[in-house]
Amino acid sequence: MQKKNMSSRRQFIKLGSLALSALPLLFLSGKASAATNTGMRTAMKYQDKPNGDKSCSGCAQFVPGKSAKDLGGCKLFPGDTEISPNGFCIAWMVKPK
């Protein structure tokens, strides 16, 4: 009986330490999910401010975030999840009504 308890404790400690060591990786992987597509931003002359009344929130290519003020994405910038709704690029196209 003693041997069985020792084995369970060892297994519990091993699994616990493995779970604790995985927590920082999970935290960092959440941060890594936000990304920018620098090459496309440069090619499309993206800027974080609007051009007159033209902004990403009024563009047909913009994919909004969770709320109207949150960062979103763009159909033309694959993998980019940090597009400002107040941004602008030369590919701006009026959103259909």
C-alpha atoms as a PDB file:
ATOM      1  CA  MET A   1       0.000   0.000   0.000  1.00  0.00           C
ATOM      2  CA  GLN A   2       2.844   2.376   0.793  1.00  0.00           C
ATOM      3  CA  LYS A   3       4.406   1.783  -2.612  1.00  0.00           C
ATOM      4  CA  LYS A   4       1.147   2.601  -4.398  1.00  0.00           C
ATOM      5  CA  ASN A   5       0.822   5.911  -2.519  1.00  0.00           C
ATOM      6  CA  MET A   6       4.410   6.886  -3.360  1.00  0.00           C
ATOM      7  CA  SER A   7       3.781   6.188  -7.018  1.00  0.00           C
ATOM      8  CA  SER A   8       0.604   8.305  -7.050  1.00  0.00           C
ATOM      9  CA  ARG A   9       2.396  11.181  -5.319  1.00  0.00           C
ATOM     10  CA  ARG A  10       5.260  11.068  -7.780  1.00  0.00           C
ATOM     11  CA  GLN A  11       2.874  11.018 -10.701  1.00  0.00           C
ATOM     12  CA  PHE A  12       0.913  13.936  -9.220  1.00  0.00           C
ATOM     13  CA  ILE A  13       4.109  15.970  -8.715  1.00  0.00           C
ATOM     14  CA  LYS A  14       5.305  15.228 -12.254  1.00  0.00           C
ATOM     15  CA  LEU A  15       2.003  16.206 -13.818  1.00  0.00           C
ATOM     16  CA  GLY A  16       1.732  19.304 -11.628  1.00  0.00           C
ATOM     17  CA  SER A  17       5.207  20.505 -12.536  1.00  0.00           C
ATOM     18  CA  LEU A  18       4.515  19.855 -16.214  1.00  0.00           C
ATOM     19  CA  ALA A  19       1.307  21.896 -16.020  1.00  0.00           C
ATOM     20  CA  LEU A  20       3.073  24.749 -14.228  1.00  0.00           C
ATOM     21  CA  SER A  21       5.851  24.813 -16.795  1.00  0.00           C
ATOM     22  CA  ALA A  22       3.275  24.950 -19.619  1.00  0.00           C
ATOM     23  CA  LEU A  23       1.497  28.048 -18.231  1.00  0.00           C
ATOM     24  CA  PRO A  24       4.081  30.577 -19.494  1.00  0.00           C
ATOM     25  CA  LEU A  25       3.938  28.976 -22.938  1.00  0.00           C
ATOM     26  CA  LEU A  26       0.161  29.318 -23.022  1.00  0.00           C
ATOM     27  CA  PHE A  27       0.420  32.946 -21.928  1.00  0.00           C
ATOM     28  CA  LEU A  28       3.020  33.761 -24.582  1.00  0.00           C
ATOM     29  CA  SER A  29       1.124  31.965 -27.312  1.00  0.00           C
ATOM     30  CA  GLY A  30      -1.873  34.206 -26.594  1.00  0.00           C
ATOM     31  CA  LYS A  31       0.318  37.258 -27.125  1.00  0.00           C
ATOM     32  CA  ALA A  32       1.688  35.785 -30.335  1.00  0.00           C
ATOM     33  CA  SER A  33      -1.783  35.538 -31.842  1.00  0.00           C
ATOM     34  CA  ALA A  34      -1.780  39.274 -32.506  1.00  0.00           C
ATOM     35  CA  ALA A  35       0.320  39.921 -35.588  1.00  0.00           C
ATOM     36  CA  THR A  36       1.060  42.445 -38.261  1.00  0.00           C
ATOM     37  CA  ASN A  37       1.778  41.865 -41.919  1.00  0.00           C
ATOM     38  CA  THR A  38       4.540  44.455 -42.296  1.00  0.00           C
ATOM     39  CA  GLY A  39       5.195  43.746 -45.961  1.00  0.00           C
ATOM     40  CA  MET A  40       1.597  44.299 -47.020  1.00  0.00           C
ATOM     41  CA  ARG A  41       1.270  47.343 -44.765  1.00  0.00           C
ATOM     42  CA  THR A  42       4.251  48.927 -46.475  1.00  0.00           C
ATOM     43  CA  ALA A  43       3.086  48.015 -49.976  1.00  0.00           C
ATOM     44  CA  MET A  44      -0.391  49.448 -49.330  1.00  0.00           C
ATOM     45  CA  LYS A  45       0.996  52.516 -47.502  1.00  0.00           C
ATOM     46  CA  TYR A  46      -1.051  51.722 -44.381  1.00  0.00           C
ATOM     47  CA  GLN A  47      -1.214  54.406 -41.705  1.00  0.00           C
ATOM     48  CA  ASP A  48      -2.903  54.430 -38.277  1.00  0.00           C
ATOM     49  CA  LYS A  49      -4.765  57.665 -38.988  1.00  0.00           C
ATOM     50  CA  PRO A  50      -7.607  58.351 -41.433  1.00  0.00           C
ATOM     51  CA  ASN A  51      -7.243  60.183 -44.742  1.00  0.00           C
ATOM     52  CA  GLY A  52      -9.965  62.801 -44.510  1.00  0.00           C
ATOM     53  CA  ASP A  53     -13.251  60.950 -44.140  1.00  0.00           C
ATOM     54  CA  LYS A  54     -11.737  57.659 -45.373  1.00  0.00           C
ATOM     55  CA  SER A  55     -10.907  55.198 -42.603  1.00  0.00           C
ATOM     56  CA  CYS A  56     -10.699  51.432 -42.313  1.00  0.00           C
ATOM     57  CA  SER A  57     -14.024  51.257 -40.455  1.00  0.00           C
ATOM     58  CA  GLY A  58     -15.729  52.532 -43.648  1.00  0.00           C
ATOM     59  CA  CYS A  59     -13.798  50.210 -45.984  1.00  0.00           C
ATOM     60  CA  ALA A  60     -15.257  47.102 -47.611  1.00  0.00           C
ATOM     61  CA  GLN A  61     -12.057  45.155 -46.831  1.00  0.00           C
ATOM     62  CA  PHE A  62     -12.062  45.849 -43.049  1.00  0.00           C
ATOM     63  CA  VAL A  63     -12.927  43.015 -40.661  1.00  0.00           C
ATOM     64  CA  PRO A  64     -14.038  44.653 -37.389  1.00  0.00           C
ATOM     65  CA  GLY A  65     -12.826  43.577 -33.956  1.00  0.00           C
ATOM     66  CA  LYS A  66     -15.056  42.644 -31.018  1.00  0.00           C
ATOM     67  CA  SER A  67     -16.283  46.227 -30.644  1.00  0.00           C
ATOM     68  CA  ALA A  68     -16.260  49.254 -32.925  1.00  0.00           C
ATOM     69  CA  LYS A  69     -13.121  50.667 -31.262  1.00  0.00           C
ATOM     70  CA  ASP A  70     -11.143  47.391 -31.088  1.00  0.00           C
ATOM     71  CA  LEU A  71      -8.426  46.503 -33.572  1.00  0.00           C
ATOM     72  CA  GLY A  72      -9.599  44.324 -36.420  1.00  0.00           C
ATOM     73  CA  GLY A  73      -8.251  42.743 -39.566  1.00  0.00           C
ATOM     74  CA  CYS A  74      -8.222  43.313 -43.293  1.00  0.00           C
ATOM     75  CA  LYS A  75      -9.088  40.942 -46.103  1.00  0.00           C
ATOM     76  CA  LEU A  76      -6.038  42.221 -48.024  1.00  0.00           C
ATOM     77  CA  PHE A  77      -3.526  41.789 -45.155  1.00  0.00           C
ATOM     78  CA  PRO A  78      -3.495  38.050 -44.413  1.00  0.00           C
ATOM     79  CA  GLY A  79      -2.615  37.237 -40.816  1.00  0.00           C
ATOM     80  CA  ASP A  80      -2.728  40.879 -39.679  1.00  0.00           C
ATOM     81  CA  THR A  81      -4.921  41.249 -36.586  1.00  0.00           C
ATOM     82  CA  GLU A  82      -3.939  44.777 -35.574  1.00  0.00           C
ATOM     83  CA  ILE A  83      -5.667  47.023 -38.096  1.00  0.00           C
ATOM     84  CA  SER A  84      -7.017  50.214 -36.534  1.00  0.00           C
ATOM     85  CA  PRO A  85     -10.595  51.153 -37.416  1.00  0.00           C
ATOM     86  CA  ASN A  86      -9.196  54.683 -37.770  1.00  0.00           C
ATOM     87  CA  GLY A  87      -6.436  53.571 -40.154  1.00  0.00           C
ATOM     88  CA  PHE A  88      -6.176  54.026 -43.913  1.00  0.00           C
ATOM     89  CA  CYS A  89      -4.361  52.517 -46.906  1.00  0.00           C
ATOM     90  CA  ILE A  90      -4.381  53.066 -50.658  1.00  0.00           C
ATOM     91  CA  ALA A  91      -6.635  50.035 -51.183  1.00  0.00           C
ATOM     92  CA  TRP A  92      -9.511  51.784 -49.388  1.00  0.00           C
ATOM     93  CA  MET A  93     -12.875  51.048 -50.998  1.00  0.00           C
ATOM     94  CA  VAL A  94     -16.225  52.360 -49.778  1.00  0.00           C
ATOM     95  CA  LYS A  95     -18.249  49.806 -47.838  1.00  0.00           C
ATOM     96  CA  PRO A  96     -21.441  48.849 -49.715  1.00  0.00           C
ATOM     97  CA  LYS A  97     -24.706  49.843 -48.051  1.00  0.00           C
END
